[in-house]
Amino acid sequence: MTTTNPNSQKPQRTIFFGLDIPFLDHLGVVPESAENGKVRISYVVKPEHTNSFHVAQGGVIMTLLDFAMGAAARTASNHQLGAITIDMTTSFLRPSLGKITVEGRLLKAGKSINYCEAVALNEAGEITAKASGTFVLRR
């Protein structure tokens, strides 16, 4: 998803399902799919994103879960402006190492509020963390 402009040596940033999100680009998140209330992204844990136990820092994993849920909320209505997190609950089930895949999905779309959930999976397909959240689409 990162491309280089032939007139410039500076690489362009990754676009995340229609949005420019510098922090996700900085982390190295890869957008994979987003449609019909379901989103899939991936990320390889980098040493500079680990904690004292040498596993992914919890805030990084929460960022991925949060984005996947917000993006899932946007896909149901093809909303281009983004989603704002109202609340989010996260559970960490095991350490996150290596390549992490995050799958977010819309559970219920209301008139203004959307309910979503997401899971972070390790390379073995085990859930390392899960989250649920409430989002409002930006107007």
Protein backbone atom coordinates (compact mmCIF):
# COMPACT_ATOMS: atom_id res chain seq x y z
CA MET A 1 0.00 0.00 0.00
CA THR A 2 2.98 2.35 0.31
CA THR A 3 3.92 3.85 -3.03
CA THR A 4 6.60 6.24 -4.18
CA ASN A 5 5.83 9.32 -6.25
CA PRO A 6 8.12 9.25 -9.32
CA ASN A 7 8.73 13.01 -8.87
CA SER A 8 9.84 12.59 -5.26
CA GLN A 9 12.05 10.26 -3.22
CA LYS A 10 9.72 10.55 -0.24
CA PRO A 11 7.34 7.57 0.01
CA GLN A 12 3.64 8.32 0.19
CA ARG A 13 1.78 7.22 3.28
CA THR A 14 -0.45 4.21 3.43
CA ILE A 15 -4.17 4.95 3.10
CA PHE A 16 -6.33 2.97 5.52
CA PHE A 17 -9.65 2.25 3.83
CA GLY A 18 -9.88 5.82 2.58
CA LEU A 19 -8.25 7.57 5.55
CA ASP A 20 -4.73 8.93 6.05
CA ILE A 21 -3.77 7.83 9.59
CA PRO A 22 -0.11 8.73 10.23
CA PHE A 23 0.15 6.77 13.50
CA LEU A 24 -0.94 3.48 11.88
CA ASP A 25 1.46 4.16 9.03
CA HIS A 26 4.24 4.79 11.56
CA LEU A 27 3.50 1.45 13.27
CA GLY A 28 3.59 -0.40 9.95
CA VAL A 29 -0.02 -1.58 9.97
CA VAL A 30 -1.16 -3.25 6.74
CA PRO A 31 -4.81 -2.76 5.69
CA GLU A 32 -6.07 -6.04 4.16
CA SER A 33 -9.83 -5.91 3.70
CA ALA A 34 -12.87 -3.87 4.67
CA GLU A 35 -16.41 -4.61 3.54
CA ASN A 36 -19.88 -5.37 4.84
CA GLY A 37 -19.07 -4.56 8.46
CA LYS A 38 -15.89 -6.66 8.57
CA VAL A 39 -12.29 -5.44 8.61
CA ARG A 40 -8.95 -7.23 8.58
CA ILE A 41 -5.56 -5.62 9.23
CA SER A 42 -2.14 -7.02 10.09
CA TYR A 43 0.94 -5.86 11.95
CA VAL A 44 4.34 -7.38 12.71
CA VAL A 45 5.50 -6.62 16.26
CA LYS A 46 8.66 -4.52 16.16
CA PRO A 47 11.23 -4.47 19.00
CA GLU A 48 10.60 -0.76 19.60
CA HIS A 49 6.90 -1.50 20.18
CA THR A 50 7.46 -4.04 22.97
CA ASN A 51 7.29 -3.76 26.74
CA SER A 52 9.70 -5.00 29.44
CA PHE A 53 8.51 -8.59 28.79
CA HIS A 54 9.54 -8.23 25.10
CA VAL A 55 6.00 -8.70 23.81
CA ALA A 56 3.78 -6.13 22.08
CA GLN A 57 2.99 -3.21 24.37
CA GLY A 58 -0.72 -3.26 25.26
CA GLY A 59 -1.36 0.22 23.88
CA VAL A 60 -0.21 -0.88 20.43
CA ILE A 61 -2.62 -3.83 20.48
CA MET A 62 -5.43 -1.58 21.73
CA THR A 63 -4.72 0.83 18.86
CA LEU A 64 -5.11 -1.99 16.35
CA LEU A 65 -8.33 -3.25 17.94
CA ASP A 66 -9.75 0.28 18.14
CA PHE A 67 -9.01 1.03 14.49
CA ALA A 68 -10.42 -2.30 13.27
CA MET A 69 -13.69 -1.70 15.11
CA GLY A 70 -14.02 1.90 13.93
CA ALA A 71 -13.29 0.88 10.35
CA ALA A 72 -15.86 -1.92 10.60
CA ALA A 73 -18.45 0.63 11.74
CA ARG A 74 -17.66 2.78 8.68
CA THR A 75 -17.99 -0.05 6.15
CA ALA A 76 -21.66 -0.75 6.81
CA SER A 77 -22.70 2.65 5.47
CA ASN A 78 -19.63 3.35 3.29
CA HIS A 79 -18.92 6.31 5.59
CA GLN A 80 -15.75 8.18 4.53
CA LEU A 81 -15.17 10.59 7.43
CA GLY A 82 -14.11 8.18 10.18
CA ALA A 83 -15.55 6.90 13.42
CA ILE A 84 -15.06 8.29 16.91
CA THR A 85 -14.63 5.90 19.83
CA ILE A 86 -17.12 6.49 22.62
CA ASP A 87 -15.95 3.60 24.79
CA MET A 88 -13.81 0.51 24.48
CA THR A 89 -13.22 -2.52 26.69
CA THR A 90 -10.18 -4.70 26.09
CA SER A 91 -9.11 -8.07 27.47
CA PHE A 92 -5.57 -9.42 27.04
CA LEU A 93 -5.54 -13.21 26.88
CA ARG A 94 -1.93 -14.05 25.96
CA PRO A 95 1.20 -12.25 24.78
CA SER A 96 1.20 -10.81 21.26
CA LEU A 97 4.33 -11.71 19.28
CA GLY A 98 5.29 -11.94 15.61
CA LYS A 99 2.64 -11.23 13.01
CA ILE A 100 -0.66 -10.12 14.53
CA THR A 101 -3.87 -10.16 12.51
CA VAL A 102 -6.79 -8.12 13.78
CA GLU A 103 -10.36 -8.75 12.68
CA GLY A 104 -13.04 -6.22 13.50
CA ARG A 105 -16.75 -6.51 12.91
CA LEU A 106 -19.85 -4.43 13.28
CA LEU A 107 -22.35 -6.04 15.64
CA LYS A 108 -25.16 -3.48 15.39
CA ALA A 109 -25.53 -0.24 13.48
CA GLY A 110 -27.92 2.23 15.06
CA LYS A 111 -29.08 5.66 13.88
CA SER A 112 -26.01 7.31 15.40
CA ILE A 113 -24.25 4.70 17.54
CA ASN A 114 -22.47 1.56 16.27
CA TYR A 115 -21.50 -1.46 18.37
CA CYS A 116 -18.41 -3.42 17.31
CA GLU A 117 -15.98 -6.10 18.43
CA ALA A 118 -12.47 -7.13 17.38
CA VAL A 119 -9.96 -9.88 18.06
CA ALA A 120 -6.17 -9.91 17.71
CA LEU A 121 -4.80 -13.26 16.52
CA ASN A 122 -1.24 -14.56 16.59
CA GLU A 123 0.33 -16.60 13.78
CA ALA A 124 -1.11 -19.82 15.28
CA GLY A 125 -4.62 -18.32 15.04
CA GLU A 126 -4.94 -17.98 18.82
CA ILE A 127 -6.73 -14.93 20.22
CA THR A 128 -4.22 -12.75 22.05
CA ALA A 129 -6.63 -9.91 22.85
CA LYS A 130 -10.24 -8.98 22.25
CA ALA A 131 -12.24 -5.80 22.51
CA SER A 132 -15.71 -4.40 22.24
CA GLY A 133 -16.54 -0.79 21.61
CA THR A 134 -19.14 1.83 20.87
CA PHE A 135 -18.57 4.28 18.00
CA VAL A 136 -20.25 7.27 16.45
CA LEU A 137 -19.66 8.08 12.79
CA ARG A 138 -18.04 11.48 12.31
CA ARG A 139 -20.33 14.08 10.75
